[in-house]
């Protein structure tokens, strides 16, 4: 992945996480856990991508 792609991915994932946190009360209960888990996985992946791009 190029540095531009990693930066775009990180910004998009952090925005998604912020939107999910702000709208957690509006989501149906059955979607809360899945959306939160997806957001956590994507945020963790973005940090891994950032660190790997810094090391290479």
Protein backbone atom coordinates (compact mmCIF):
# COMPACT_ATOMS: atom_id res chain seq x y z
CA UNK A 1 0.00 0.00 0.00
CA UNK A 2 1.22 3.45 -0.80
CA UNK A 3 1.47 6.17 1.81
CA UNK A 4 -1.44 8.08 0.27
CA UNK A 5 -3.67 5.02 0.44
CA UNK A 6 -2.79 4.41 4.08
CA UNK A 7 -3.51 8.02 4.99
CA UNK A 8 -6.86 7.99 3.19
CA UNK A 9 -7.80 4.67 4.80
CA UNK A 10 -6.88 5.93 8.29
CA UNK A 11 -8.93 9.12 7.88
CA UNK A 12 -11.96 7.24 6.56
CA UNK A 13 -11.81 4.62 9.33
CA UNK A 14 -11.45 7.21 12.08
CA UNK A 15 -14.41 9.14 10.65
CA UNK A 16 -16.44 5.93 10.56
CA UNK A 17 -15.56 5.26 14.18
CA UNK A 18 -16.59 8.77 15.17
CA UNK A 19 -19.90 8.45 13.33
CA UNK A 20 -20.61 5.13 15.02
CA UNK A 21 -19.83 6.52 18.46
CA UNK A 22 -22.03 9.56 17.90
CA UNK A 23 -24.95 7.55 16.51
CA UNK A 24 -24.81 4.51 18.79
CA UNK A 25 -28.18 5.32 20.37
CA UNK A 26 -29.94 5.47 17.00
CA UNK A 27 -28.81 2.02 15.84
CA UNK A 28 -31.03 -1.00 16.45
CA UNK A 29 -29.70 -3.21 19.27
CA UNK A 30 -28.88 -6.13 16.97
CA UNK A 31 -26.60 -3.95 14.81
CA UNK A 32 -24.67 -2.25 17.63
CA UNK A 33 -22.35 -5.12 18.43
CA UNK A 34 -21.56 -5.97 14.81
CA UNK A 35 -20.93 -2.37 13.79
CA UNK A 36 -18.77 -1.76 16.87
CA UNK A 37 -16.74 -4.90 16.22
CA UNK A 38 -16.28 -3.96 12.57
CA UNK A 39 -15.16 -0.46 13.52
CA UNK A 40 -12.67 -1.76 16.10
CA UNK A 41 -11.17 -4.22 13.62
CA UNK A 42 -10.85 -1.54 10.93
CA UNK A 43 -9.28 0.96 13.34
CA UNK A 44 -6.78 -1.65 14.56
CA UNK A 45 -5.94 -2.51 10.96
CA UNK A 46 -5.37 1.15 10.14
CA UNK A 47 -2.84 1.46 12.96
CA UNK A 48 -1.09 -1.69 11.73
CA UNK A 49 -0.95 -0.25 8.22
CA UNK A 50 0.40 3.07 9.50
CA UNK A 51 3.13 1.39 11.56
CA UNK A 52 4.09 -0.93 8.72
CA UNK A 53 4.32 1.99 6.29
CA UNK A 54 6.51 3.90 8.74
CA UNK A 55 8.85 0.92 9.17
CA UNK A 56 9.25 0.18 5.47
